[in-house]
Every structure is written in structure tokens, then in C-alpha cells.
Amino acid sequence: MRRPKKKEPQTELEKLQAENLRLKAKNVLFKKAKALVEAKKGQALLNGRGPSTN
């Protein structure tokens, strides 16, 4: 199934709404990545090892 072709926003309001959606999606992604890193650090501490510096 193909994605529908993106159309350029027409008004300034539509441009800002599209940018807002992109930024919200990035924020969700960063929060998930941070949670994964924190979970990995927590597992390392439970296993008796210090967190990795990588």
C-alpha cells in the first residue's frame, strides 16, 4: 500500500500545524529512547555492573 502524496500546506496556519505535528512526533521518539536508556542503566545496576559509557 502506497502512502498518499504529501501536499504542501497552503496557509501559514497549516504550515505551523504540520510543524507542530512533526515536533510532537520527535518528542515522543526522544522520550521513548530516553526511557530505553534508563531501563538499560537500571538493568545494569541490578546485574551488579555499572552503566556502560557507550
PDB file of N, CA and C in Angstrom:
ATOM      1  N   MET A   1       0.839  -1.168   0.000  1.00  0.00           N
ATOM      2  CA  MET A   1       0.000   0.000   0.000  1.00  0.00           C
ATOM      3  C   MET A   1       0.890   1.239   0.000  1.00  0.00           C
ATOM      4  N   ARG A   2       0.623   2.157  -0.906  1.00  0.00           N
ATOM      5  CA  ARG A   2       1.438   3.353  -1.012  1.00  0.00           C
ATOM      6  C   ARG A   2       0.874   4.477  -0.166  1.00  0.00           C
ATOM      7  N   ARG A   3       1.771   5.317   0.287  1.00  0.00           N
ATOM      8  CA  ARG A   3       1.349   6.494   1.033  1.00  0.00           C
ATOM      9  C   ARG A   3       0.730   7.501   0.080  1.00  0.00           C
ATOM     10  N   PRO A   4      -0.262   8.224   0.555  1.00  0.00           N
ATOM     11  CA  PRO A   4      -0.783   9.301  -0.298  1.00  0.00           C
ATOM     12  C   PRO A   4       0.281  10.382  -0.460  1.00  0.00           C
ATOM     13  N   LYS A   5       0.309  11.006  -1.615  1.00  0.00           N
ATOM     14  CA  LYS A   5       1.296  12.040  -1.881  1.00  0.00           C
ATOM     15  C   LYS A   5       1.061  13.221  -0.946  1.00  0.00           C
ATOM     16  N   LYS A   6       2.148  13.707  -0.339  1.00  0.00           N
ATOM     17  CA  LYS A   6       2.028  14.840   0.565  1.00  0.00           C
ATOM     18  C   LYS A   6       1.783  16.097  -0.247  1.00  0.00           C
ATOM     19  N   LYS A   7       0.846  16.910   0.233  1.00  0.00           N
ATOM     20  CA  LYS A   7       0.650  18.186  -0.424  1.00  0.00           C
ATOM     21  C   LYS A   7       1.203  19.276   0.471  1.00  0.00           C
ATOM     22  N   GLU A   8       1.718  20.301  -0.140  1.00  0.00           N
ATOM     23  CA  GLU A   8       2.298  21.400   0.611  1.00  0.00           C
ATOM     24  C   GLU A   8       1.196  22.162   1.348  1.00  0.00           C
ATOM     25  N   PRO A   9       1.436  22.521   2.599  1.00  0.00           N
ATOM     26  CA  PRO A   9       0.460  23.322   3.318  1.00  0.00           C
ATOM     27  C   PRO A   9       0.245  24.660   2.603  1.00  0.00           C
ATOM     28  N   GLN A  10      -0.976  25.108   2.580  1.00  0.00           N
ATOM     29  CA  GLN A  10      -1.310  26.316   1.834  1.00  0.00           C
ATOM     30  C   GLN A  10      -1.139  27.588   2.675  1.00  0.00           C
ATOM     31  N   THR A  11      -1.582  27.557   3.885  1.00  0.00           N
ATOM     32  CA  THR A  11      -1.562  28.771   4.694  1.00  0.00           C
ATOM     33  C   THR A  11      -0.479  28.673   5.768  1.00  0.00           C
ATOM     34  N   GLU A  12      -0.200  29.821   6.367  1.00  0.00           N
ATOM     35  CA  GLU A  12       0.771  29.852   7.458  1.00  0.00           C
ATOM     36  C   GLU A  12       0.289  28.980   8.611  1.00  0.00           C
ATOM     37  N   LEU A  13      -1.004  29.002   8.873  1.00  0.00           N
ATOM     38  CA  LEU A  13      -1.565  28.176   9.946  1.00  0.00           C
ATOM     39  C   LEU A  13      -1.334  26.699   9.666  1.00  0.00           C
ATOM     40  N   GLU A  14      -1.565  26.267   8.438  1.00  0.00           N
ATOM     41  CA  GLU A  14      -1.353  24.861   8.079  1.00  0.00           C
ATOM     42  C   GLU A  14       0.114  24.480   8.179  1.00  0.00           C
ATOM     43  N   LYS A  15       0.997  25.392   7.806  1.00  0.00           N
ATOM     44  CA  LYS A  15       2.439  25.129   7.928  1.00  0.00           C
ATOM     45  C   LYS A  15       2.817  24.939   9.395  1.00  0.00           C
ATOM     46  N   LEU A  16       2.293  25.813  10.246  1.00  0.00           N
ATOM     47  CA  LEU A  16       2.610  25.713  11.671  1.00  0.00           C
ATOM     48  C   LEU A  16       2.016  24.455  12.295  1.00  0.00           C
ATOM     49  N   GLN A  17       0.815  24.086  11.868  1.00  0.00           N
ATOM     50  CA  GLN A  17       0.203  22.861  12.390  1.00  0.00           C
ATOM     51  C   GLN A  17       1.009  21.636  11.964  1.00  0.00           C
ATOM     52  N   ALA A  18       1.492  21.618  10.722  1.00  0.00           N
ATOM     53  CA  ALA A  18       2.295  20.490  10.247  1.00  0.00           C
ATOM     54  C   ALA A  18       3.615  20.412  11.022  1.00  0.00           C
ATOM     55  N   GLU A  19       4.239  21.565  11.244  1.00  0.00           N
ATOM     56  CA  GLU A  19       5.492  21.579  12.007  1.00  0.00           C
ATOM     57  C   GLU A  19       5.248  21.122  13.439  1.00  0.00           C
ATOM     58  N   ASN A  20       4.131  21.540  14.017  1.00  0.00           N
ATOM     59  CA  ASN A  20       3.781  21.129  15.374  1.00  0.00           C
ATOM     60  C   ASN A  20       3.641  19.609  15.463  1.00  0.00           C
ATOM     61  N   LEU A  21       2.978  19.004  14.482  1.00  0.00           N
ATOM     62  CA  LEU A  21       2.834  17.541  14.468  1.00  0.00           C
ATOM     63  C   LEU A  21       4.187  16.847  14.372  1.00  0.00           C
ATOM     64  N   ARG A  22       5.067  17.367  13.508  1.00  0.00           N
ATOM     65  CA  ARG A  22       6.410  16.772  13.381  1.00  0.00           C
ATOM     66  C   ARG A  22       7.175  16.863  14.696  1.00  0.00           C
ATOM     67  N   LEU A  23       7.098  18.019  15.351  1.00  0.00           N
ATOM     68  CA  LEU A  23       7.818  18.201  16.607  1.00  0.00           C
ATOM     69  C   LEU A  23       7.252  17.315  17.717  1.00  0.00           C
ATOM     70  N   LYS A  24       5.935  17.143  17.740  1.00  0.00           N
ATOM     71  CA  LYS A  24       5.328  16.246  18.728  1.00  0.00           C
ATOM     72  C   LYS A  24       5.795  14.816  18.506  1.00  0.00           C
ATOM     73  N   ALA A  25       5.874  14.399  17.245  1.00  0.00           N
ATOM     74  CA  ALA A  25       6.335  13.041  16.940  1.00  0.00           C
ATOM     75  C   ALA A  25       7.786  12.855  17.369  1.00  0.00           C
ATOM     76  N   LYS A  26       8.626  13.861  17.115  1.00  0.00           N
ATOM     77  CA  LYS A  26      10.036  13.781  17.545  1.00  0.00           C
ATOM     78  C   LYS A  26      10.129  13.685  19.064  1.00  0.00           C
ATOM     79  N   ASN A  27       9.303  14.474  19.751  1.00  0.00           N
ATOM     80  CA  ASN A  27       9.319  14.478  21.205  1.00  0.00           C
ATOM     81  C   ASN A  27       8.969  13.094  21.756  1.00  0.00           C
ATOM     82  N   VAL A  28       7.961  12.461  21.177  1.00  0.00           N
ATOM     83  CA  VAL A  28       7.566  11.113  21.599  1.00  0.00           C
ATOM     84  C   VAL A  28       8.726  10.142  21.371  1.00  0.00           C
ATOM     85  N   LEU A  29       9.378  10.265  20.218  1.00  0.00           N
ATOM     86  CA  LEU A  29      10.506   9.388  19.897  1.00  0.00           C
ATOM     87  C   LEU A  29      11.647   9.562  20.897  1.00  0.00           C
ATOM     88  N   PHE A  30      11.976  10.815  21.210  1.00  0.00           N
ATOM     89  CA  PHE A  30      13.056  11.076  22.161  1.00  0.00           C
ATOM     90  C   PHE A  30      12.716  10.561  23.558  1.00  0.00           C
ATOM     91  N   LYS A  31      11.460  10.692  23.967  1.00  0.00           N
ATOM     92  CA  LYS A  31      11.051  10.186  25.282  1.00  0.00           C
ATOM     93  C   LYS A  31      11.177   8.669  25.339  1.00  0.00           C
ATOM     94  N   LYS A  32      10.820   7.992  24.254  1.00  0.00           N
ATOM     95  CA  LYS A  32      10.942   6.532  24.230  1.00  0.00           C
ATOM     96  C   LYS A  32      12.399   6.109  24.273  1.00  0.00           C
ATOM     97  N   ALA A  33      13.245   6.819  23.529  1.00  0.00           N
ATOM     98  CA  ALA A  33      14.672   6.498  23.527  1.00  0.00           C
ATOM     99  C   ALA A  33      15.261   6.713  24.922  1.00  0.00           C
ATOM    100  N   LYS A  34      14.880   7.805  25.573  1.00  0.00           N
ATOM    101  CA  LYS A  34      15.377   8.084  26.922  1.00  0.00           C
ATOM    102  C   LYS A  34      14.934   6.996  27.891  1.00  0.00           C
ATOM    103  N   ALA A  35      13.687   6.556  27.764  1.00  0.00           N
ATOM    104  CA  ALA A  35      13.182   5.504  28.648  1.00  0.00           C
ATOM    105  C   ALA A  35      13.956   4.204  28.432  1.00  0.00           C
ATOM    106  N   LEU A  36      14.285   3.901  27.183  1.00  0.00           N
ATOM    107  CA  LEU A  36      15.069   2.689  26.905  1.00  0.00           C
ATOM    108  C   LEU A  36      16.464   2.774  27.520  1.00  0.00           C
ATOM    109  N   VAL A  37      17.091   3.940  27.416  1.00  0.00           N
ATOM    110  CA  VAL A  37      18.422   4.122  28.002  1.00  0.00           C
ATOM    111  C   VAL A  37      18.354   3.975  29.518  1.00  0.00           C
ATOM    112  N   GLU A  38      17.350   4.592  30.123  1.00  0.00           N
ATOM    113  CA  GLU A  38      17.205   4.494  31.581  1.00  0.00           C
ATOM    114  C   GLU A  38      16.942   3.051  32.015  1.00  0.00           C
ATOM    115  N   ALA A  39      16.134   2.326  31.246  1.00  0.00           N
ATOM    116  CA  ALA A  39      15.851   0.931  31.572  1.00  0.00           C
ATOM    117  C   ALA A  39      17.122   0.092  31.468  1.00  0.00           C
ATOM    118  N   LYS A  40      17.932   0.380  30.462  1.00  0.00           N
ATOM    119  CA  LYS A  40      19.183  -0.361  30.289  1.00  0.00           C
ATOM    120  C   LYS A  40      20.133  -0.084  31.456  1.00  0.00           C
ATOM    121  N   LYS A  41      20.190   1.170  31.889  1.00  0.00           N
ATOM    122  CA  LYS A  41      21.036   1.513  33.034  1.00  0.00           C
ATOM    123  C   LYS A  41      20.537   0.805  34.295  1.00  0.00           C
ATOM    124  N   GLY A  42      19.222   0.767  34.471  1.00  0.00           N
ATOM    125  CA  GLY A  42      18.645   0.101  35.628  1.00  0.00           C
ATOM    126  C   GLY A  42      18.948  -1.387  35.636  1.00  0.00           C
ATOM    127  N   GLN A  43      18.881  -2.022  34.471  1.00  0.00           N
ATOM    128  CA  GLN A  43      19.204  -3.449  34.365  1.00  0.00           C
ATOM    129  C   GLN A  43      20.671  -3.686  34.707  1.00  0.00           C
ATOM    130  N   ALA A  44      21.538  -2.790  34.235  1.00  0.00           N
ATOM    131  CA  ALA A  44      22.960  -2.950  34.507  1.00  0.00           C
ATOM    132  C   ALA A  44      23.230  -2.835  36.012  1.00  0.00           C
ATOM    133  N   LEU A  45      22.545  -1.938  36.675  1.00  0.00           N
ATOM    134  CA  LEU A  45      22.733  -1.791  38.115  1.00  0.00           C
ATOM    135  C   LEU A  45      22.194  -3.005  38.862  1.00  0.00           C
ATOM    136  N   LEU A  46      21.077  -3.564  38.398  1.00  0.00           N
ATOM    137  CA  LEU A  46      20.517  -4.757  39.041  1.00  0.00           C
ATOM    138  C   LEU A  46      21.436  -5.957  38.866  1.00  0.00           C
ATOM    139  N   ASN A  47      22.148  -6.003  37.755  1.00  0.00           N
ATOM    140  CA  ASN A  47      23.049  -7.125  37.485  1.00  0.00           C
ATOM    141  C   ASN A  47      24.399  -6.946  38.171  1.00  0.00           C
ATOM    142  N   GLY A  48      24.576  -5.862  38.900  1.00  0.00           N
ATOM    143  CA  GLY A  48      25.822  -5.662  39.634  1.00  0.00           C
ATOM    144  C   GLY A  48      26.909  -5.019  38.812  1.00  0.00           C
ATOM    145  N   ARG A  49      26.550  -4.531  37.661  1.00  0.00           N
ATOM    146  CA  ARG A  49      27.535  -3.853  36.821  1.00  0.00           C
ATOM    147  C   ARG A  49      27.182  -2.381  36.734  1.00  0.00           C
ATOM    148  N   GLY A  50      28.188  -1.566  36.548  1.00  0.00           N
ATOM    149  CA  GLY A  50      27.936  -0.149  36.349  1.00  0.00           C
ATOM    150  C   GLY A  50      27.402   0.097  34.963  1.00  0.00           C
ATOM    151  N   PRO A  51      26.784   1.222  34.723  1.00  0.00           N
ATOM    152  CA  PRO A  51      26.272   1.519  33.388  1.00  0.00           C
ATOM    153  C   PRO A  51      27.397   1.684  32.381  1.00  0.00           C
ATOM    154  N   SER A  52      27.107   1.317  31.170  1.00  0.00           N
ATOM    155  CA  SER A  52      28.083   1.444  30.093  1.00  0.00           C
ATOM    156  C   SER A  52      28.275   2.901  29.740  1.00  0.00           C
ATOM    157  N   THR A  53      29.477   3.254  29.328  1.00  0.00           N
ATOM    158  CA  THR A  53      29.753   4.637  28.924  1.00  0.00           C
ATOM    159  C   THR A  53      29.536   4.814  27.432  1.00  0.00           C
ATOM    160  N   ASN A  54      29.133   3.765  26.737  1.00  0.00           N
ATOM    161  CA  ASN A  54      28.917   3.865  25.279  1.00  0.00           C
ATOM    162  C   ASN A  54      27.600   4.483  25.000  1.00  0.00           C
TER     163      ASN A  54
END
